[in-house]
């Protein structure tokens, strides 16, 4: 995963403008990392409830999968 050069929690909210390349790059990197973390937590929670990986993946998290794929594509094209 790419390294962030700015903290999205402490530094970016305090900026007057986020329209520079470095800030936008950091936001794209952060979005992908946040989606990966969220997806992992969701999968673990649902699997601990006794649901199968296939059922969760195919029927319950398809929107999250598509969001993560979009975030990956955006980061890939940025690089």
N, C-alpha and C. Protein backbone atom coordinates (compact mmCIF):
# COMPACT_ATOMS: atom_id res chain seq x y z
N UNK A 1 0.84 -1.18 0.00
CA UNK A 1 0.00 0.00 0.00
C UNK A 1 0.89 1.25 0.00
N UNK A 2 0.46 2.25 -0.70
CA UNK A 2 1.22 3.50 -0.72
C UNK A 2 1.19 4.19 0.65
N UNK A 3 2.22 4.91 0.92
CA UNK A 3 2.33 5.64 2.18
C UNK A 3 1.67 7.01 2.06
N UNK A 4 0.96 7.39 3.11
CA UNK A 4 0.37 8.72 3.18
C UNK A 4 1.43 9.72 3.60
N UNK A 5 1.41 10.90 3.00
CA UNK A 5 2.36 11.94 3.39
C UNK A 5 1.70 12.98 4.30
N UNK A 6 0.37 12.89 4.41
CA UNK A 6 -0.39 13.81 5.28
C UNK A 6 -1.39 12.98 6.07
N UNK A 7 -1.65 13.37 7.29
CA UNK A 7 -2.63 12.67 8.11
C UNK A 7 -4.03 13.11 7.71
N UNK A 8 -4.89 12.16 7.29
CA UNK A 8 -6.24 12.53 6.87
C UNK A 8 -7.15 12.92 8.03
N UNK A 9 -6.72 12.66 9.24
CA UNK A 9 -7.54 13.00 10.41
C UNK A 9 -7.09 14.31 11.05
N UNK A 10 -5.78 14.52 11.11
CA UNK A 10 -5.26 15.70 11.81
C UNK A 10 -4.88 16.85 10.88
N UNK A 11 -4.27 16.55 9.74
CA UNK A 11 -3.74 17.62 8.88
C UNK A 11 -4.73 18.09 7.82
N UNK A 12 -5.32 17.16 7.10
CA UNK A 12 -6.16 17.53 5.95
C UNK A 12 -7.38 18.36 6.34
N UNK A 13 -8.11 18.02 7.42
CA UNK A 13 -9.28 18.85 7.76
C UNK A 13 -8.94 20.30 8.07
N UNK A 14 -7.72 20.58 8.48
CA UNK A 14 -7.33 21.94 8.81
C UNK A 14 -6.88 22.78 7.63
N UNK A 15 -6.80 22.19 6.47
CA UNK A 15 -6.36 22.93 5.29
C UNK A 15 -7.45 23.86 4.76
N UNK A 16 -7.05 24.97 4.20
CA UNK A 16 -8.02 25.90 3.61
C UNK A 16 -8.54 25.37 2.28
N UNK A 17 -7.69 24.66 1.55
CA UNK A 17 -8.08 24.11 0.25
C UNK A 17 -7.47 22.72 0.10
N UNK A 18 -8.23 21.81 -0.48
CA UNK A 18 -7.70 20.47 -0.72
C UNK A 18 -7.43 20.23 -2.21
N UNK A 19 -7.33 21.30 -2.95
CA UNK A 19 -7.22 21.17 -4.40
C UNK A 19 -5.80 20.97 -4.92
N UNK A 20 -4.84 20.76 -4.03
CA UNK A 20 -3.49 20.51 -4.55
C UNK A 20 -3.28 19.00 -4.74
N UNK A 21 -2.31 18.65 -5.56
CA UNK A 21 -2.07 17.26 -5.95
C UNK A 21 -1.76 16.36 -4.76
N UNK A 22 -0.94 16.82 -3.85
CA UNK A 22 -0.54 15.99 -2.71
C UNK A 22 -1.74 15.64 -1.83
N UNK A 23 -2.59 16.60 -1.56
CA UNK A 23 -3.75 16.35 -0.71
C UNK A 23 -4.72 15.38 -1.38
N UNK A 24 -5.00 15.60 -2.64
CA UNK A 24 -5.91 14.71 -3.37
C UNK A 24 -5.36 13.29 -3.46
N UNK A 25 -4.06 13.17 -3.65
CA UNK A 25 -3.42 11.86 -3.68
C UNK A 25 -3.58 11.15 -2.34
N UNK A 26 -3.34 11.89 -1.26
CA UNK A 26 -3.50 11.31 0.07
C UNK A 26 -4.93 10.87 0.33
N UNK A 27 -5.90 11.64 -0.12
CA UNK A 27 -7.31 11.27 0.07
C UNK A 27 -7.67 10.01 -0.70
N UNK A 28 -7.13 9.86 -1.90
CA UNK A 28 -7.39 8.64 -2.68
C UNK A 28 -6.74 7.43 -2.00
N UNK A 29 -5.51 7.59 -1.52
CA UNK A 29 -4.84 6.50 -0.80
C UNK A 29 -5.61 6.14 0.46
N UNK A 30 -6.04 7.15 1.21
CA UNK A 30 -6.75 6.90 2.46
C UNK A 30 -8.08 6.20 2.21
N UNK A 31 -8.79 6.59 1.17
CA UNK A 31 -10.08 5.97 0.86
C UNK A 31 -9.91 4.47 0.62
N UNK A 32 -8.91 4.11 -0.15
CA UNK A 32 -8.68 2.69 -0.42
C UNK A 32 -8.34 1.93 0.86
N UNK A 33 -7.46 2.49 1.67
CA UNK A 33 -7.07 1.84 2.91
C UNK A 33 -8.26 1.69 3.86
N UNK A 34 -9.10 2.72 3.96
CA UNK A 34 -10.27 2.66 4.84
C UNK A 34 -11.26 1.61 4.35
N UNK A 35 -11.45 1.51 3.05
CA UNK A 35 -12.38 0.51 2.51
C UNK A 35 -11.86 -0.90 2.74
N UNK A 36 -10.56 -1.12 2.60
CA UNK A 36 -9.98 -2.44 2.85
C UNK A 36 -10.19 -2.83 4.30
N UNK A 37 -9.92 -1.91 5.21
CA UNK A 37 -10.09 -2.19 6.64
C UNK A 37 -11.55 -2.49 6.96
N UNK A 38 -12.44 -1.67 6.44
CA UNK A 38 -13.87 -1.86 6.69
C UNK A 38 -14.36 -3.20 6.14
N UNK A 39 -13.91 -3.53 4.94
CA UNK A 39 -14.32 -4.79 4.30
C UNK A 39 -13.84 -5.98 5.12
N UNK A 40 -12.62 -5.94 5.60
CA UNK A 40 -12.07 -7.01 6.42
C UNK A 40 -12.85 -7.19 7.72
N UNK A 41 -13.18 -6.08 8.36
CA UNK A 41 -13.94 -6.15 9.61
C UNK A 41 -15.34 -6.70 9.36
N UNK A 42 -15.97 -6.26 8.28
CA UNK A 42 -17.32 -6.75 7.95
C UNK A 42 -17.29 -8.24 7.68
N UNK A 43 -16.32 -8.70 6.91
CA UNK A 43 -16.22 -10.12 6.60
C UNK A 43 -15.99 -10.95 7.86
N UNK A 44 -15.11 -10.50 8.73
CA UNK A 44 -14.84 -11.23 9.96
C UNK A 44 -16.08 -11.30 10.84
N UNK A 45 -16.79 -10.19 10.96
CA UNK A 45 -17.99 -10.16 11.80
C UNK A 45 -19.05 -11.12 11.27
N UNK A 46 -19.30 -11.07 9.99
CA UNK A 46 -20.33 -11.93 9.41
C UNK A 46 -19.94 -13.40 9.44
N UNK A 47 -18.66 -13.70 9.27
CA UNK A 47 -18.22 -15.09 9.34
C UNK A 47 -18.28 -15.61 10.77
N UNK A 48 -18.06 -14.73 11.75
CA UNK A 48 -18.16 -15.16 13.14
C UNK A 48 -19.61 -15.45 13.54
N UNK A 49 -20.55 -14.92 12.75
CA UNK A 49 -21.96 -15.21 12.99
C UNK A 49 -22.38 -16.55 12.38
N UNK A 50 -21.44 -17.23 11.73
CA UNK A 50 -21.70 -18.55 11.19
C UNK A 50 -22.06 -18.58 9.71
N UNK A 51 -21.99 -17.47 9.05
CA UNK A 51 -22.29 -17.42 7.62
C UNK A 51 -21.06 -17.87 6.83
N UNK A 52 -21.30 -18.43 5.65
CA UNK A 52 -20.18 -18.89 4.84
C UNK A 52 -19.57 -17.72 4.07
N UNK A 53 -18.28 -17.86 3.77
CA UNK A 53 -17.56 -16.84 3.03
C UNK A 53 -18.25 -16.57 1.70
N UNK A 54 -18.61 -17.63 0.99
CA UNK A 54 -19.24 -17.48 -0.32
C UNK A 54 -20.53 -16.67 -0.24
N UNK A 55 -21.40 -17.01 0.72
CA UNK A 55 -22.67 -16.30 0.84
C UNK A 55 -22.47 -14.83 1.18
N UNK A 56 -21.54 -14.55 2.06
CA UNK A 56 -21.26 -13.16 2.42
C UNK A 56 -20.74 -12.41 1.20
N UNK A 57 -19.74 -13.00 0.53
CA UNK A 57 -19.09 -12.36 -0.61
C UNK A 57 -20.08 -12.12 -1.75
N UNK A 58 -20.91 -13.10 -2.04
CA UNK A 58 -21.79 -13.02 -3.20
C UNK A 58 -23.08 -12.24 -2.94
N UNK A 59 -23.60 -12.30 -1.72
CA UNK A 59 -24.93 -11.76 -1.48
C UNK A 59 -25.01 -10.56 -0.53
N UNK A 60 -23.98 -10.35 0.27
CA UNK A 60 -24.11 -9.33 1.31
C UNK A 60 -23.17 -8.13 1.17
N UNK A 61 -22.05 -8.30 0.52
CA UNK A 61 -21.08 -7.20 0.46
C UNK A 61 -20.74 -6.78 -0.98
N UNK A 62 -21.64 -6.99 -1.90
CA UNK A 62 -21.34 -6.68 -3.30
C UNK A 62 -21.11 -5.17 -3.50
N UNK A 63 -21.86 -4.34 -2.80
CA UNK A 63 -21.65 -2.89 -2.93
C UNK A 63 -20.27 -2.48 -2.41
N UNK A 64 -19.86 -3.08 -1.31
CA UNK A 64 -18.54 -2.79 -0.75
C UNK A 64 -17.43 -3.26 -1.68
N UNK A 65 -17.63 -4.41 -2.32
CA UNK A 65 -16.64 -4.92 -3.26
C UNK A 65 -16.48 -3.96 -4.43
N UNK A 66 -17.60 -3.47 -4.94
CA UNK A 66 -17.54 -2.54 -6.06
C UNK A 66 -16.89 -1.22 -5.67
N UNK A 67 -17.17 -0.74 -4.46
CA UNK A 67 -16.54 0.50 -3.99
C UNK A 67 -15.04 0.32 -3.85
N UNK A 68 -14.62 -0.83 -3.33
CA UNK A 68 -13.20 -1.11 -3.17
C UNK A 68 -12.52 -1.24 -4.54
N UNK A 69 -13.18 -1.88 -5.48
CA UNK A 69 -12.62 -2.01 -6.83
C UNK A 69 -12.45 -0.64 -7.48
N UNK A 70 -13.42 0.23 -7.28
CA UNK A 70 -13.33 1.59 -7.83
C UNK A 70 -12.17 2.35 -7.19
N UNK A 71 -12.04 2.24 -5.88
CA UNK A 71 -10.95 2.91 -5.17
C UNK A 71 -9.59 2.39 -5.66
N UNK A 72 -9.49 1.08 -5.85
CA UNK A 72 -8.24 0.51 -6.36
C UNK A 72 -7.94 1.05 -7.74
N UNK A 73 -8.93 1.07 -8.61
CA UNK A 73 -8.75 1.58 -9.97
C UNK A 73 -8.31 3.03 -9.99
N UNK A 74 -8.90 3.84 -9.12
CA UNK A 74 -8.53 5.26 -9.05
C UNK A 74 -7.07 5.41 -8.59
N UNK A 75 -6.69 4.63 -7.58
CA UNK A 75 -5.31 4.72 -7.11
C UNK A 75 -4.34 4.20 -8.17
N UNK A 76 -4.68 3.12 -8.83
CA UNK A 76 -3.83 2.55 -9.86
C UNK A 76 -3.61 3.55 -11.00
N UNK A 77 -4.66 4.20 -11.43
CA UNK A 77 -4.54 5.18 -12.51
C UNK A 77 -3.77 6.42 -12.04
N UNK A 78 -3.92 6.79 -10.79
CA UNK A 78 -3.18 7.93 -10.25
C UNK A 78 -1.67 7.66 -10.29
N UNK A 79 -1.31 6.45 -9.93
CA UNK A 79 0.12 6.10 -9.90
C UNK A 79 0.66 5.96 -11.30
